[in-house]
N, C-alpha and C. Protein backbone atom coordinates (compact mmCIF):
# COMPACT_ATOMS: atom_id res chain seq x y z
N MET A 1 11.97 9.08 14.86
CA MET A 1 11.72 8.40 16.04
C MET A 1 12.04 6.88 15.80
N SER A 2 12.56 6.27 16.81
CA SER A 2 12.99 4.80 16.68
C SER A 2 11.89 3.89 17.10
N HIS A 3 11.71 2.84 16.47
CA HIS A 3 10.68 1.84 16.76
C HIS A 3 11.29 0.35 16.72
N ARG A 4 10.88 -0.47 17.64
CA ARG A 4 11.29 -1.82 17.58
C ARG A 4 10.10 -2.65 16.99
N ILE A 5 10.42 -3.38 16.01
CA ILE A 5 9.47 -4.29 15.29
C ILE A 5 10.04 -5.70 15.23
N CYS A 6 9.09 -6.61 14.93
CA CYS A 6 9.44 -7.96 14.81
C CYS A 6 8.93 -8.51 13.37
N ILE A 7 9.74 -8.83 12.41
CA ILE A 7 9.34 -9.33 11.21
C ILE A 7 9.95 -10.72 10.97
N MET A 8 9.14 -11.68 10.65
CA MET A 8 9.46 -13.15 10.48
C MET A 8 10.34 -13.52 11.62
N GLY A 9 9.90 -13.13 12.89
CA GLY A 9 10.72 -13.66 13.98
C GLY A 9 11.94 -12.88 14.29
N ARG A 10 12.32 -11.92 13.45
CA ARG A 10 13.53 -11.17 13.63
C ARG A 10 13.28 -9.79 14.22
N GLU A 11 13.86 -9.47 15.35
CA GLU A 11 13.69 -8.11 15.89
C GLU A 11 14.50 -7.08 15.17
N LEU A 12 13.87 -5.98 14.87
CA LEU A 12 14.55 -4.92 14.20
C LEU A 12 14.33 -3.48 14.85
N GLN A 13 15.24 -2.64 14.71
CA GLN A 13 15.16 -1.32 15.22
C GLN A 13 15.00 -0.42 13.96
N VAL A 14 13.87 0.27 13.81
CA VAL A 14 13.66 1.11 12.55
C VAL A 14 13.42 2.50 12.98
N ARG A 15 13.68 3.37 12.00
CA ARG A 15 13.44 4.78 12.28
C ARG A 15 12.34 5.22 11.32
N SER A 16 11.39 5.95 11.91
CA SER A 16 10.21 6.44 11.14
C SER A 16 9.65 7.70 11.83
N SER A 17 9.07 8.60 11.07
CA SER A 17 8.41 9.73 11.55
C SER A 17 6.94 9.38 11.82
N ALA A 18 6.57 8.30 11.39
CA ALA A 18 5.13 7.83 11.60
C ALA A 18 4.81 7.63 13.04
N ALA A 19 3.56 7.66 13.35
CA ALA A 19 3.09 7.45 14.73
C ALA A 19 3.23 5.87 15.03
N PRO A 20 3.62 5.58 16.39
CA PRO A 20 3.80 4.16 16.72
C PRO A 20 2.63 3.37 16.27
N GLU A 21 1.38 3.78 16.21
CA GLU A 21 0.16 3.02 15.73
C GLU A 21 0.43 2.62 14.30
N THR A 22 0.92 3.56 13.59
CA THR A 22 1.02 3.36 12.09
C THR A 22 2.15 2.32 11.83
N VAL A 23 3.24 2.47 12.58
CA VAL A 23 4.41 1.56 12.46
C VAL A 23 3.92 0.10 12.78
N SER A 24 3.09 0.02 13.93
CA SER A 24 2.55 -1.26 14.32
C SER A 24 1.62 -1.84 13.18
N GLU A 25 0.84 -0.95 12.53
CA GLU A 25 -0.09 -1.36 11.50
C GLU A 25 0.77 -1.90 10.38
N VAL A 26 1.70 -1.27 9.97
CA VAL A 26 2.64 -1.73 8.85
C VAL A 26 3.29 -3.02 9.23
N GLU A 27 3.84 -3.12 10.43
CA GLU A 27 4.42 -4.33 10.95
C GLU A 27 3.47 -5.59 10.77
N SER A 28 2.24 -5.40 11.30
CA SER A 28 1.25 -6.41 11.27
C SER A 28 0.88 -6.75 9.77
N PHE A 29 0.68 -5.81 8.88
CA PHE A 29 0.45 -6.05 7.53
C PHE A 29 1.46 -6.83 6.82
N VAL A 30 2.70 -6.38 7.02
CA VAL A 30 3.89 -7.20 6.46
C VAL A 30 3.94 -8.57 6.94
N ASN A 31 3.73 -8.71 8.22
CA ASN A 31 3.83 -10.14 8.79
C ASN A 31 2.61 -10.96 8.38
N ALA A 32 1.50 -10.44 8.14
CA ALA A 32 0.42 -11.11 7.54
C ALA A 32 0.61 -11.55 6.11
N LYS A 33 1.16 -10.62 5.36
CA LYS A 33 1.52 -10.99 4.01
C LYS A 33 2.54 -12.08 3.90
N LEU A 34 3.61 -11.96 4.78
CA LEU A 34 4.55 -12.97 4.79
C LEU A 34 4.08 -14.33 5.21
N ALA A 35 3.22 -14.36 6.22
CA ALA A 35 2.55 -15.70 6.62
C ALA A 35 1.70 -16.19 5.44
N GLU A 36 0.90 -15.36 4.80
CA GLU A 36 0.12 -15.81 3.68
C GLU A 36 0.90 -16.48 2.65
N VAL A 37 2.05 -15.85 2.21
CA VAL A 37 2.94 -16.45 1.13
C VAL A 37 3.61 -17.63 1.62
N SER A 38 4.03 -17.54 2.86
CA SER A 38 4.81 -18.72 3.54
C SER A 38 3.99 -20.00 3.42
N ALA A 39 2.55 -19.83 3.72
CA ALA A 39 1.77 -20.99 3.78
C ALA A 39 1.55 -21.58 2.41
N ALA A 40 1.78 -20.80 1.33
CA ALA A 40 1.57 -21.22 -0.07
C ALA A 40 2.85 -21.69 -0.76
N VAL A 41 4.04 -21.44 -0.11
CA VAL A 41 5.30 -21.82 -0.64
C VAL A 41 5.83 -23.06 -0.05
N GLN A 42 6.23 -24.02 -0.91
CA GLN A 42 6.82 -25.25 -0.43
C GLN A 42 8.33 -25.09 -0.12
N GLY A 43 8.72 -25.65 1.04
CA GLY A 43 10.16 -25.52 1.40
C GLY A 43 10.44 -24.44 2.42
N GLY A 44 9.63 -23.41 2.42
CA GLY A 44 9.79 -22.35 3.39
C GLY A 44 11.08 -21.48 3.27
N ASP A 45 11.68 -21.38 2.09
CA ASP A 45 12.87 -20.49 1.91
C ASP A 45 12.50 -19.13 2.23
N THR A 46 13.07 -18.51 3.24
CA THR A 46 12.61 -17.24 3.77
C THR A 46 12.91 -16.17 2.62
N GLN A 47 13.95 -16.35 1.88
CA GLN A 47 14.23 -15.31 0.80
C GLN A 47 13.13 -15.37 -0.31
N VAL A 48 12.77 -16.53 -0.65
CA VAL A 48 11.71 -16.69 -1.66
C VAL A 48 10.38 -16.19 -1.16
N VAL A 49 10.09 -16.49 0.12
CA VAL A 49 8.92 -15.98 0.80
C VAL A 49 8.85 -14.42 0.85
N ALA A 50 10.04 -13.79 1.12
CA ALA A 50 10.12 -12.32 1.20
C ALA A 50 9.95 -11.71 -0.21
N ILE A 51 10.56 -12.38 -1.16
CA ILE A 51 10.47 -11.82 -2.56
C ILE A 51 9.09 -11.94 -3.08
N LEU A 52 8.36 -13.00 -2.88
CA LEU A 52 7.03 -13.27 -3.37
C LEU A 52 6.05 -12.24 -2.60
N ALA A 53 6.30 -12.01 -1.30
CA ALA A 53 5.38 -11.15 -0.55
C ALA A 53 5.72 -9.74 -1.13
N LEU A 54 6.86 -9.27 -1.41
CA LEU A 54 7.17 -7.98 -1.92
C LEU A 54 6.54 -7.77 -3.25
N MET A 55 6.48 -8.84 -4.16
CA MET A 55 5.77 -8.81 -5.41
C MET A 55 4.32 -8.66 -5.22
N ASN A 56 3.79 -9.38 -4.24
CA ASN A 56 2.28 -9.29 -3.96
C ASN A 56 1.93 -7.88 -3.54
N ILE A 57 2.81 -7.31 -2.69
CA ILE A 57 2.52 -5.93 -2.11
C ILE A 57 2.70 -4.89 -3.23
N ALA A 58 3.75 -5.03 -4.08
CA ALA A 58 3.97 -4.05 -5.16
C ALA A 58 2.88 -4.15 -6.13
N GLU A 59 2.37 -5.32 -6.43
CA GLU A 59 1.19 -5.48 -7.40
C GLU A 59 -0.04 -4.78 -6.90
N ALA A 60 -0.37 -4.97 -5.51
CA ALA A 60 -1.49 -4.25 -4.92
C ALA A 60 -1.34 -2.73 -4.89
N TYR A 61 -0.06 -2.28 -4.63
CA TYR A 61 0.23 -0.93 -4.55
C TYR A 61 0.07 -0.21 -5.95
N LEU A 62 0.57 -0.85 -6.93
CA LEU A 62 0.49 -0.34 -8.40
C LEU A 62 -0.94 -0.26 -8.81
N ALA A 63 -1.74 -1.23 -8.47
CA ALA A 63 -3.25 -1.28 -8.83
C ALA A 63 -3.91 -0.13 -8.12
N ALA A 64 -3.52 0.13 -6.88
CA ALA A 64 -4.14 1.23 -6.13
C ALA A 64 -3.77 2.46 -6.76
N VAL A 65 -2.52 2.75 -7.14
CA VAL A 65 -2.02 3.94 -7.84
C VAL A 65 -2.83 4.14 -9.13
N ARG A 66 -2.95 3.06 -9.91
CA ARG A 66 -3.62 3.24 -11.18
C ARG A 66 -5.19 3.55 -10.89
N GLU A 67 -5.74 2.99 -9.91
CA GLU A 67 -7.18 3.29 -9.62
C GLU A 67 -7.25 4.80 -9.16
N ARG A 68 -6.27 5.21 -8.32
CA ARG A 68 -6.33 6.61 -7.88
C ARG A 68 -6.21 7.55 -9.09
N ASP A 69 -5.30 7.26 -9.96
CA ASP A 69 -5.05 8.16 -11.03
C ASP A 69 -6.28 8.19 -11.93
N SER A 70 -6.99 6.99 -12.10
CA SER A 70 -8.18 6.94 -13.00
C SER A 70 -9.22 7.75 -12.28
N LEU A 71 -9.44 7.64 -10.98
CA LEU A 71 -10.47 8.41 -10.30
C LEU A 71 -10.11 9.96 -10.46
N THR A 72 -8.90 10.29 -10.32
CA THR A 72 -8.53 11.72 -10.43
C THR A 72 -8.79 12.29 -11.81
N SER A 73 -8.60 11.46 -12.83
CA SER A 73 -8.90 11.94 -14.15
C SER A 73 -10.44 12.03 -14.33
N GLN A 74 -11.12 11.12 -13.78
CA GLN A 74 -12.67 11.23 -13.90
C GLN A 74 -13.19 12.42 -13.10
N ASP A 75 -12.52 12.73 -11.93
CA ASP A 75 -13.00 13.87 -11.12
C ASP A 75 -12.66 15.12 -11.94
N GLU A 76 -11.44 15.22 -12.54
CA GLU A 76 -11.14 16.41 -13.41
C GLU A 76 -12.16 16.55 -14.49
N ALA A 77 -12.56 15.55 -15.17
CA ALA A 77 -13.44 15.62 -16.23
C ALA A 77 -14.85 16.09 -15.74
N THR A 78 -15.27 15.56 -14.65
CA THR A 78 -16.55 15.98 -14.04
C THR A 78 -16.49 17.57 -13.64
N VAL A 79 -15.39 17.94 -13.04
CA VAL A 79 -15.30 19.41 -12.64
C VAL A 79 -15.37 20.26 -13.98
N ARG A 80 -14.63 19.84 -15.02
CA ARG A 80 -14.70 20.59 -16.21
C ARG A 80 -16.00 20.59 -16.84
N ARG A 81 -16.77 19.56 -16.81
CA ARG A 81 -18.06 19.45 -17.41
C ARG A 81 -19.03 20.41 -16.57
N LEU A 82 -18.95 20.40 -15.20
CA LEU A 82 -19.86 21.16 -14.33
C LEU A 82 -19.50 22.65 -14.53
N LEU A 83 -18.24 22.98 -14.68
CA LEU A 83 -17.75 24.34 -14.96
C LEU A 83 -18.34 24.86 -16.31
N GLY A 84 -18.31 23.97 -17.31
CA GLY A 84 -18.93 24.33 -18.53
C GLY A 84 -20.44 24.71 -18.42
N ARG A 85 -21.18 23.82 -17.62
CA ARG A 85 -22.60 24.09 -17.47
C ARG A 85 -22.80 25.40 -16.67
N ILE A 86 -22.01 25.70 -15.76
CA ILE A 86 -22.14 26.84 -14.96
C ILE A 86 -21.92 28.11 -15.89
N GLU A 87 -20.89 27.96 -16.71
CA GLU A 87 -20.58 29.09 -17.63
C GLU A 87 -21.72 29.23 -18.63
N GLN A 88 -22.26 28.16 -19.10
CA GLN A 88 -23.42 28.27 -20.05
C GLN A 88 -24.60 28.98 -19.36
N ASN A 89 -24.86 28.60 -18.15
CA ASN A 89 -26.01 29.19 -17.47
C ASN A 89 -25.81 30.67 -17.07
N LEU A 90 -24.54 31.02 -16.89
CA LEU A 90 -24.20 32.35 -16.54
C LEU A 90 -24.28 33.36 -17.86
N SER A 91 -24.11 32.74 -18.93
CA SER A 91 -24.13 33.49 -20.24
C SER A 91 -25.55 33.89 -20.69
């Protein structure tokens, strides 16, 4: 499905299988990150702003992936421990 979005004042036509609400949410998130970085960068070079915003988003994404992986490992350990208890009680 084709969607019309506006990033940094530039209108773009993008294709996505996501719902329009999701595309709008992503558009708003990206624009918010760009505005946040733009306010902190002297000179307003759009390329520098875009690169720094991408770095911030990538850092947050990688932290979320690490946290998810850690929780998954903890969940697996908990399940193994509970299965061990069940097996002990059944024996």
